[in-house]
C-alpha atoms as a PDB file:
ATOM      1  CA  MET A   1      90.934 134.953  59.887  1.00  0.00           C
ATOM      2  CA  PHE A   2      94.162 133.424  58.860  1.00  0.00           C
ATOM      3  CA  PRO A   3      94.364 131.770  55.445  1.00  0.00           C
ATOM      4  CA  PHE A   4      97.254 129.249  56.502  1.00  0.00           C
ATOM      5  CA  ASP A   5      97.114 126.341  58.868  1.00  0.00           C
ATOM      6  CA  LEU A   6      99.179 127.295  62.237  1.00  0.00           C
ATOM      7  CA  PHE A   7     101.570 124.397  61.927  1.00  0.00           C
ATOM      8  CA  SER A   8     102.020 124.024  57.982  1.00  0.00           C
ATOM      9  CA  MET A   9     105.165 124.436  56.103  1.00  0.00           C
ATOM     10  CA  GLU A  10     103.681 127.213  54.324  1.00  0.00           C
ATOM     11  CA  LEU A  11     103.726 129.288  57.738  1.00  0.00           C
ATOM     12  CA  LEU A  12     106.544 127.541  59.338  1.00  0.00           C
ATOM     13  CA  LEU A  13     109.279 128.210  56.647  1.00  0.00           C
ATOM     14  CA  PRO A  14     108.760 131.826  56.255  1.00  0.00           C
ATOM     15  CA  PHE A  15     108.777 132.097  60.138  1.00  0.00           C
ATOM     16  CA  PHE A  16     112.243 130.282  60.518  1.00  0.00           C
ATOM     17  CA  LEU A  17     113.752 132.273  57.424  1.00  0.00           C
ATOM     18  CA  VAL A  18     112.766 135.611  59.076  1.00  0.00           C
ATOM     19  CA  LEU A  19     113.930 134.474  62.513  1.00  0.00           C
ATOM     20  CA  ALA A  20     117.322 133.366  61.249  1.00  0.00           C
ATOM     21  CA  ILE A  21     117.891 136.501  59.055  1.00  0.00           C
ATOM     22  CA  ILE A  22     116.963 138.635  61.846  1.00  0.00           C
ATOM     23  CA  TYR A  23     118.858 136.923  64.543  1.00  0.00           C
ATOM     24  CA  GLY A  24     122.003 136.814  62.267  1.00  0.00           C
ATOM     25  CA  ALA A  25     121.600 140.529  61.372  1.00  0.00           C
ATOM     26  CA  LEU A  26     121.500 141.394  65.044  1.00  0.00           C
ATOM     27  CA  GLU A  27     124.530 138.900  65.631  1.00  0.00           C
ATOM     28  CA  VAL A  28     126.775 140.723  62.868  1.00  0.00           C
ATOM     29  CA  SER A  29     125.675 144.285  64.036  1.00  0.00           C
ATOM     30  CA  LYS A  30     126.420 143.735  67.547  1.00  0.00           C
ATOM     31  CA  VAL A  31     123.765 146.159  68.731  1.00  0.00           C
ATOM     32  CA  PHE A  32     123.069 143.955  71.810  1.00  0.00           C
ATOM     33  CA  GLU A  33     125.262 141.902  73.802  1.00  0.00           C
ATOM     34  CA  ASN A  34     122.838 139.673  75.211  1.00  0.00           C
ATOM     35  CA  ARG A  35     121.959 136.796  73.197  1.00  0.00           C
ATOM     36  CA  ALA A  36     118.311 136.307  74.882  1.00  0.00           C
ATOM     37  CA  VAL A  37     117.525 139.865  73.848  1.00  0.00           C
ATOM     38  CA  LYS A  38     118.488 139.098  70.126  1.00  0.00           C
ATOM     39  CA  GLY A  39     116.333 135.899  70.261  1.00  0.00           C
ATOM     40  CA  ILE A  40     113.501 137.686  71.342  1.00  0.00           C
ATOM     41  CA  ILE A  41     113.449 140.434  68.958  1.00  0.00           C
ATOM     42  CA  ALA A  42     113.978 137.991  66.249  1.00  0.00           C
ATOM     43  CA  VAL A  43     110.972 135.866  67.336  1.00  0.00           C
ATOM     44  CA  VAL A  44     108.789 139.084  67.576  1.00  0.00           C
ATOM     45  CA  PHE A  45     109.932 140.135  64.033  1.00  0.00           C
ATOM     46  CA  ALA A  46     109.153 136.531  62.763  1.00  0.00           C
ATOM     47  CA  PHE A  47     105.681 136.532  64.316  1.00  0.00           C
ATOM     48  CA  PHE A  48     104.879 139.763  62.753  1.00  0.00           C
ATOM     49  CA  ALA A  49     106.111 138.731  59.370  1.00  0.00           C
ATOM     50  CA  ILE A  50     103.951 135.676  59.426  1.00  0.00           C
ATOM     51  CA  MET A  51     100.638 137.644  60.489  1.00  0.00           C
ATOM     52  CA  ASN A  52     100.745 139.276  57.175  1.00  0.00           C
ATOM     53  CA  ALA A  53      99.455 137.017  54.551  1.00  0.00           C
ATOM     54  CA  GLN A  54     101.183 138.879  51.629  1.00  0.00           C
ATOM     55  CA  VAL A  55     104.672 138.536  53.234  1.00  0.00           C
ATOM     56  CA  VAL A  56     104.049 134.819  53.817  1.00  0.00           C
ATOM     57  CA  SER A  57     102.914 134.465  50.093  1.00  0.00           C
ATOM     58  CA  LEU A  58     105.836 136.344  48.980  1.00  0.00           C
ATOM     59  CA  ILE A  59     108.483 134.453  50.867  1.00  0.00           C
ATOM     60  CA  ASN A  60     106.733 131.325  49.570  1.00  0.00           C
ATOM     61  CA  VAL A  61     106.959 132.146  46.064  1.00  0.00           C
ATOM     62  CA  ILE A  62     110.680 133.478  46.182  1.00  0.00           C
ATOM     63  CA  LEU A  63     111.936 130.694  48.472  1.00  0.00           C
ATOM     64  CA  PRO A  64     112.430 127.858  45.934  1.00  0.00           C
ATOM     65  CA  TYR A  65     114.172 130.181  43.624  1.00  0.00           C
ATOM     66  CA  ALA A  66     116.599 131.418  46.409  1.00  0.00           C
ATOM     67  CA  ALA A  67     117.116 127.943  47.580  1.00  0.00           C
ATOM     68  CA  GLY A  68     118.084 126.803  43.956  1.00  0.00           C
ATOM     69  CA  PHE A  69     120.317 129.893  43.594  1.00  0.00           C
ATOM     70  CA  PHE A  70     122.305 128.975  46.945  1.00  0.00           C
ATOM     71  CA  VAL A  71     122.563 125.444  45.874  1.00  0.00           C
ATOM     72  CA  VAL A  72     124.243 126.471  42.689  1.00  0.00           C
ATOM     73  CA  ILE A  73     126.596 128.920  44.493  1.00  0.00           C
ATOM     74  CA  PHE A  74     127.560 126.257  46.622  1.00  0.00           C
ATOM     75  CA  ILE A  75     128.368 123.788  43.952  1.00  0.00           C
ATOM     76  CA  ILE A  76     130.355 126.431  42.285  1.00  0.00           C
ATOM     77  CA  TRP A  77     132.268 127.064  45.332  1.00  0.00           C
ATOM     78  CA  MET A  78     132.789 123.564  46.066  1.00  0.00           C
ATOM     79  CA  VAL A  79     134.314 122.987  42.487  1.00  0.00           C
ATOM     80  CA  ILE A  80     136.539 126.017  42.708  1.00  0.00           C
ATOM     81  CA  LYS A  81     137.745 125.727  46.073  1.00  0.00           C
ATOM     82  CA  PRO A  82     140.261 122.941  45.437  1.00  0.00           C
ATOM     83  CA  PHE A  83     141.801 124.609  42.429  1.00  0.00           C
ATOM     84  CA  ARG A  84     142.609 127.915  44.222  1.00  0.00           C
ATOM     85  CA  GLY A  85     145.553 126.752  46.230  1.00  0.00           C
ATOM     86  CA  ARG A  86     146.940 128.183  49.291  1.00  0.00           C
ATOM     87  CA  GLY A  87     147.894 131.642  47.900  1.00  0.00           C
ATOM     88  CA  GLY A  88     144.598 132.023  46.189  1.00  0.00           C
ATOM     89  CA  GLY A  89     145.785 131.551  42.707  1.00  0.00           C
ATOM     90  CA  GLY A  90     145.861 127.815  41.450  1.00  0.00           C
ATOM     91  CA  ASP A  91     145.869 126.005  37.875  1.00  0.00           C
ATOM     92  CA  SER A  92     142.748 127.057  36.255  1.00  0.00           C
ATOM     93  CA  THR A  93     143.083 124.445  33.584  1.00  0.00           C
ATOM     94  CA  VAL A  94     140.701 121.769  35.240  1.00  0.00           C
ATOM     95  CA  LEU A  95     138.305 124.503  36.022  1.00  0.00           C
ATOM     96  CA  ILE A  96     138.085 125.515  32.432  1.00  0.00           C
ATOM     97  CA  VAL A  97     137.787 122.026  31.424  1.00  0.00           C
ATOM     98  CA  ILE A  98     134.847 121.394  33.947  1.00  0.00           C
ATOM     99  CA  LEU A  99     132.955 124.421  32.635  1.00  0.00           C
ATOM    100  CA  VAL A 100     133.576 123.421  28.989  1.00  0.00           C
ATOM    101  CA  LEU A 101     132.063 120.140  29.671  1.00  0.00           C
ATOM    102  CA  VAL A 102     129.145 121.532  31.298  1.00  0.00           C
ATOM    103  CA  VAL A 103     128.448 123.690  28.302  1.00  0.00           C
ATOM    104  CA  ILE A 104     128.785 120.728  25.994  1.00  0.00           C
ATOM    105  CA  LEU A 105     126.311 118.745  28.134  1.00  0.00           C
ATOM    106  CA  LEU A 106     123.989 121.626  28.203  1.00  0.00           C
ATOM    107  CA  ALA A 107     124.343 121.804  24.477  1.00  0.00           C
ATOM    108  CA  ARG A 108     123.608 118.220  23.892  1.00  0.00           C
ATOM    109  CA  LEU A 109     120.660 118.512  26.255  1.00  0.00           C
ATOM    110  CA  GLY A 110     119.408 121.269  23.808  1.00  0.00           C
ATOM    111  CA  THR A 111     119.741 119.188  20.852  1.00  0.00           C
ATOM    112  CA  GLU A 112     118.003 116.249  22.289  1.00  0.00           C
ATOM    113  CA  GLY A 113     114.885 118.489  23.059  1.00  0.00           C
ATOM    114  CA  TYR A 114     115.309 118.461  26.956  1.00  0.00           C
ATOM    115  CA  ILE A 115     115.917 122.188  26.832  1.00  0.00           C
ATOM    116  CA  GLN A 116     113.699 124.126  24.572  1.00  0.00           C
ATOM    117  CA  ASN A 117     114.473 127.347  22.946  1.00  0.00           C
ATOM    118  CA  ASN A 118     117.890 127.907  24.375  1.00  0.00           C
ATOM    119  CA  PHE A 119     121.081 129.618  22.962  1.00  0.00           C
ATOM    120  CA  LEU A 120     123.068 126.584  23.765  1.00  0.00           C
ATOM    121  CA  THR A 121     121.160 124.813  20.687  1.00  0.00           C
ATOM    122  CA  ASP A 122     122.415 127.680  18.252  1.00  0.00           C
ATOM    123  CA  PRO A 123     125.310 126.375  16.160  1.00  0.00           C
ATOM    124  CA  ASN A 124     126.929 129.680  16.034  1.00  0.00           C
ATOM    125  CA  PHE A 125     127.455 129.659  19.973  1.00  0.00           C
ATOM    126  CA  LEU A 126     128.841 126.202  19.772  1.00  0.00           C
ATOM    127  CA  TRP A 127     131.348 127.524  17.233  1.00  0.00           C
ATOM    128  CA  ILE A 128     132.367 130.497  19.616  1.00  0.00           C
ATOM    129  CA  ILE A 129     132.765 128.117  22.431  1.00  0.00           C
ATOM    130  CA  GLY A 130     134.993 125.845  20.354  1.00  0.00           C
ATOM    131  CA  ILE A 131     137.024 128.707  19.185  1.00  0.00           C
ATOM    132  CA  VAL A 132     137.581 129.766  22.924  1.00  0.00           C
ATOM    133  CA  VAL A 133     138.493 126.440  23.942  1.00  0.00           C
ATOM    134  CA  VAL A 134     141.070 126.177  21.237  1.00  0.00           C
ATOM    135  CA  LEU A 135     142.465 129.549  22.179  1.00  0.00           C
ATOM    136  CA  VAL A 136     142.671 128.623  25.850  1.00  0.00           C
ATOM    137  CA  ILE A 137     144.450 125.488  24.918  1.00  0.00           C
ATOM    138  CA  ILE A 138     146.828 127.372  22.695  1.00  0.00           C
ATOM    139  CA  TRP A 139     147.504 130.048  25.299  1.00  0.00           C
ATOM    140  CA  LYS A 140     148.276 127.511  28.124  1.00  0.00           C
ATOM    141  CA  ALA A 141     150.604 125.384  25.860  1.00  0.00           C
ATOM    142  CA  TYR A 142     152.307 128.759  25.189  1.00  0.00           C
ATOM    143  CA  LYS A 143     152.390 129.471  28.849  1.00  0.00           C
ATOM    144  CA  MET A 144     154.024 126.270  29.658  1.00  0.00           C
ATOM    145  CA  GLY A 145     156.654 126.349  26.813  1.00  0.00           C
ATOM    146  CA  SER A 146     157.651 129.932  27.443  1.00  0.00           C
ATOM    147  CA  GLY A 147     158.888 128.914  31.018  1.00  0.00           C
ATOM    148  CA  GLY A 148     155.671 129.265  33.002  1.00  0.00           C
ATOM    149  CA  GLY A 149     155.321 125.472  33.669  1.00  0.00           C
ATOM    150  CA  GLN A 150     158.960 124.774  34.403  1.00  0.00           C
ATOM    151  CA  GLN A 151     160.617 125.247  37.810  1.00  0.00           C
END
């Protein structure tokens, strides 16, 4: 009747994902005050979700991509957070340098054959990145020389 083993990860991961999403939505919406009611509703929705093999298959196909997306977002957030400062606007020079280094690393991987058929291997793209880097350096130097960097 059911194509999955009851305690397999193919079934448990979608169950807990649906449980967390429904419970979180109920917490944010504040429809119910009682946490036990929210938990019961979330468990029922999670059981209904795993009873449908198509829903379980869809979640199992999408879950690795979603996890990778959230890891990338988390890393970007961790890199940007120290440069924002208290008021939200910090010095962006270090962030620009990190992004340029990542693009250069990806371009190098493309020329070594680790990345196939990529726009980063195109010499025109690398020229554009170089020109943008030079313009950013000139702009930062002009900004610091015109009193932007003095106190």
